[in-house]
Amino acid sequence: MSDSDSFTDDRCTDCPGVMVVSEPVPVLGPFIGVVGSVLCGLAGALLLLAPFAFDYRQGARSTPRSSIVDLVTGGGVLLLAVLTAALFGGALRKRLRVPEPVTAYAEEPEPQPERVEEPPVVEQPRSEPEPQPVAPAASAPLGGDPGNALRDLLTPLVAALAADLRSRESNNVESEGRQP
C-alpha cells in the first residue's frame, strides 16, 4: 500500500485531483508532560530511598531529621509525579484516539417543532404631539461658513497669547540689558 492509496478517501469534492492531507495530531505537549512526570517520579523515588541507601542513621538510635525530611519530600514529589503522569497520559490518549465516525440515520427525520399561531395584535391609533418649531440660534450664521465662527472664537485668544509673548520678550531684553 503506497502513500497515495492511504489518501484515496480524503479528496476534495470541490476541487478534483487535489488530495486533502489532514493535519497531524499535536501530541508534543502531553508527551513532554508525561516524560517530565516520569523524571519527577524518579527523583521522588530517589528521595524516598536515599535515607536507607546511604545509611543516614549511622548507628543512631532514632531516625535523624534529615531522613524524615527526605522521606516526606520524596513522598510528596512521587505523589505529584504520579498525578501529573496520569493527567498527561489521559490527555495524550485522548489526542491519539481515533475519532468515532459520525453516522446519520435517514430513517428518523428530525422532529420539527410545532408551530403556534399567535393572535394578531391590534394597534390603537395614537395621537402624536405636533412638533414645535425651534427658533434658530442668534450666534449661528444661517448658511454661513462654520470656519468663520471658529475664527471669531479663536481671534481674541491668539491676540492675548501674542501680547503675552511680547511682554515676556521685553522682560527678557530688559533683564539682559541690566546684567554687565
Protein backbone atom coordinates (compact mmCIF):
# COMPACT_ATOMS: atom_id res chain seq x y z
CA MET A 1 0.00 0.00 0.00
CA SER A 2 1.61 3.27 -1.08
CA ASP A 3 1.17 6.74 0.37
CA SER A 4 -1.23 7.74 -2.37
CA ASP A 5 -3.51 4.79 -1.55
CA SER A 6 -3.93 5.95 2.06
CA PHE A 7 -5.40 9.28 0.93
CA THR A 8 -7.93 7.98 -1.59
CA ASP A 9 -10.89 8.74 0.68
CA ASP A 10 -9.58 12.23 1.51
CA ARG A 11 -10.20 14.01 -1.77
CA CYS A 12 -11.61 17.48 -2.04
CA THR A 13 -15.10 17.35 -3.55
CA ASP A 14 -14.95 20.92 -4.86
CA CYS A 15 -11.52 20.61 -6.46
CA PRO A 16 -10.97 17.28 -8.26
CA GLY A 17 -7.46 15.91 -8.44
CA VAL A 18 -6.36 17.56 -5.20
CA MET A 19 -5.73 15.37 -2.17
CA VAL A 20 -6.50 16.67 1.27
CA VAL A 21 -3.87 15.84 3.86
CA SER A 22 -5.12 16.02 7.43
CA GLU A 23 -3.01 17.84 9.98
CA PRO A 24 -1.03 15.71 12.42
CA VAL A 25 -2.42 15.47 15.91
CA PRO A 26 -0.49 17.76 18.32
CA VAL A 27 0.95 15.34 20.87
CA LEU A 28 4.23 17.02 21.78
CA GLY A 29 2.85 18.88 24.82
CA PRO A 30 1.30 15.88 26.57
CA PHE A 31 4.30 13.71 25.62
CA ILE A 32 6.72 16.18 27.24
CA GLY A 33 4.42 16.32 30.27
CA VAL A 34 4.48 12.53 30.65
CA VAL A 35 8.27 12.40 30.30
CA GLY A 36 8.69 15.22 32.83
CA SER A 37 6.33 13.49 35.25
CA VAL A 38 8.24 10.22 34.98
CA LEU A 39 11.54 12.04 35.66
CA CYS A 40 10.00 13.75 38.70
CA GLY A 41 8.76 10.36 39.85
CA LEU A 42 12.31 9.01 39.64
CA ALA A 43 13.56 11.97 41.69
CA GLY A 44 10.86 11.33 44.30
CA ALA A 45 11.78 7.65 44.44
CA LEU A 46 15.44 8.58 44.92
CA LEU A 47 14.47 10.84 47.82
CA LEU A 48 12.46 8.01 49.37
CA LEU A 49 15.29 5.50 49.04
CA ALA A 50 18.22 7.82 49.91
CA PRO A 51 17.95 7.56 53.73
CA PHE A 52 18.19 3.79 53.50
CA ALA A 53 20.66 3.52 50.62
CA PHE A 54 23.14 6.00 52.07
CA ASP A 55 22.60 4.96 55.72
CA TYR A 56 21.72 8.34 57.21
CA ARG A 57 21.33 6.78 60.67
CA GLN A 58 24.97 5.72 61.02
CA GLY A 59 24.24 3.75 64.14
CA ALA A 60 21.94 6.33 65.81
CA ARG A 61 19.04 5.00 67.87
CA SER A 62 16.43 7.37 66.38
CA THR A 63 15.83 8.42 62.82
CA PRO A 64 17.62 11.72 62.08
CA ARG A 65 15.65 14.75 61.00
CA SER A 66 17.28 14.77 57.54
CA SER A 67 15.88 11.27 56.89
CA ILE A 68 12.37 12.36 57.84
CA VAL A 69 12.61 15.44 55.59
CA ASP A 70 13.83 13.27 52.69
CA LEU A 71 11.03 10.74 53.20
CA VAL A 72 8.27 13.38 53.38
CA THR A 73 9.64 15.36 50.42
CA GLY A 74 10.16 12.22 48.35
CA GLY A 75 6.62 11.04 49.09
CA GLY A 76 5.16 14.43 48.07
CA VAL A 77 7.20 14.59 44.86
CA LEU A 78 6.32 10.99 43.97
CA LEU A 79 2.61 11.61 44.61
CA LEU A 80 2.65 14.75 42.47
CA ALA A 81 4.54 12.93 39.71
CA VAL A 82 2.03 10.06 39.63
CA LEU A 83 -0.88 12.52 39.49
CA THR A 84 0.60 14.59 36.66
CA ALA A 85 1.67 11.48 34.73
CA ALA A 86 -1.90 10.19 34.92
CA LEU A 87 -3.35 13.51 33.75
CA PHE A 88 -0.85 13.98 30.92
CA GLY A 89 -1.24 10.34 29.92
CA GLY A 90 -5.00 10.78 29.71
CA ALA A 91 -4.56 13.88 27.55
CA LEU A 92 -2.14 12.01 25.28
CA ARG A 93 -4.51 9.06 24.99
CA LYS A 94 -7.42 11.39 24.18
CA ARG A 95 -5.44 13.09 21.41
CA LEU A 96 -4.24 9.82 19.91
CA ARG A 97 -7.64 8.15 19.96
CA VAL A 98 -9.26 7.81 16.56
CA PRO A 99 -12.49 9.80 16.46
CA GLU A 100 -15.60 7.71 16.06
CA PRO A 101 -17.24 8.16 12.67
CA VAL A 102 -20.46 10.10 12.73
CA THR A 103 -23.32 8.11 11.30
CA ALA A 104 -26.53 9.75 10.27
CA TYR A 105 -29.69 7.69 10.26
CA ALA A 106 -32.02 8.60 7.45
CA GLU A 107 -34.96 6.58 8.82
CA GLU A 108 -35.89 9.06 11.51
CA PRO A 109 -36.16 12.66 10.38
CA GLU A 110 -35.57 15.38 12.93
CA PRO A 111 -38.76 16.28 14.73
CA GLN A 112 -39.97 19.73 13.73
CA PRO A 113 -41.23 21.98 16.50
CA GLU A 114 -44.94 22.63 16.44
CA ARG A 115 -45.89 25.96 15.02
CA VAL A 116 -48.04 28.03 17.30
CA GLU A 117 -50.17 30.72 15.76
CA GLU A 118 -50.06 33.97 17.66
CA PRO A 119 -53.19 36.10 17.77
CA PRO A 120 -52.97 39.24 15.65
CA VAL A 121 -52.01 42.35 17.54
CA VAL A 122 -54.44 45.20 17.21
CA GLU A 123 -52.79 48.57 17.42
CA GLN A 124 -54.79 51.51 18.64
CA PRO A 125 -54.21 54.82 16.92
CA ARG A 126 -52.13 57.18 18.98
CA SER A 127 -52.32 60.91 18.91
CA GLU A 128 -48.83 62.21 18.36
CA PRO A 129 -47.98 65.69 19.62
CA GLU A 130 -47.26 68.22 16.92
CA PRO A 131 -43.60 69.21 16.72
CA GLN A 132 -42.85 72.70 17.95
CA PRO A 133 -40.73 74.90 15.66
CA VAL A 134 -37.28 75.60 17.02
CA ALA A 135 -36.01 79.16 16.89
CA PRO A 136 -32.62 79.47 15.18
CA ALA A 137 -29.72 80.39 17.42
CA ALA A 138 -28.67 84.02 17.18
CA SER A 139 -24.94 83.32 17.20
CA ALA A 140 -25.03 80.66 14.47
CA PRO A 141 -24.90 82.10 10.97
CA LEU A 142 -27.59 80.81 8.65
CA GLY A 143 -25.89 79.04 5.78
CA GLY A 144 -22.62 80.79 6.62
CA ASP A 145 -19.15 79.39 6.90
CA PRO A 146 -18.74 77.33 10.11
CA GLY A 147 -14.99 78.03 9.99
CA ASN A 148 -15.76 81.73 10.32
CA ALA A 149 -17.37 81.09 13.71
CA LEU A 150 -14.24 79.27 14.83
CA ARG A 151 -12.08 82.16 13.65
CA ASP A 152 -14.21 84.60 15.63
CA LEU A 153 -13.80 82.43 18.72
CA LEU A 154 -10.03 81.99 18.44
CA THR A 155 -9.05 85.56 17.41
CA PRO A 156 -9.11 87.02 20.98
CA LEU A 157 -7.20 84.01 22.32
CA VAL A 158 -4.44 84.37 19.72
CA ALA A 159 -4.23 88.11 20.38
CA ALA A 160 -3.86 87.50 24.15
CA LEU A 161 -1.15 84.89 23.52
CA ALA A 162 0.76 87.25 21.22
CA ALA A 163 0.60 90.06 23.80
CA ASP A 164 1.86 87.69 26.50
CA LEU A 165 4.80 86.59 24.34
CA ARG A 166 5.70 90.23 23.55
CA SER A 167 5.67 91.14 27.25
CA ARG A 168 7.92 88.17 28.09
CA GLU A 169 10.35 89.10 25.31
CA SER A 170 10.52 92.69 26.51
CA ASN A 171 11.15 91.48 30.10
CA ASN A 172 13.98 89.22 28.87
CA VAL A 173 15.57 92.05 26.86
CA GLU A 174 15.40 94.39 29.87
CA SER A 175 16.91 91.78 32.22
CA GLU A 176 19.73 91.04 29.76
CA GLY A 177 20.45 94.74 29.39
CA ARG A 178 20.87 95.23 33.16
CA GLN A 179 23.49 92.50 33.53
CA PRO A 180 27.06 93.66 32.85
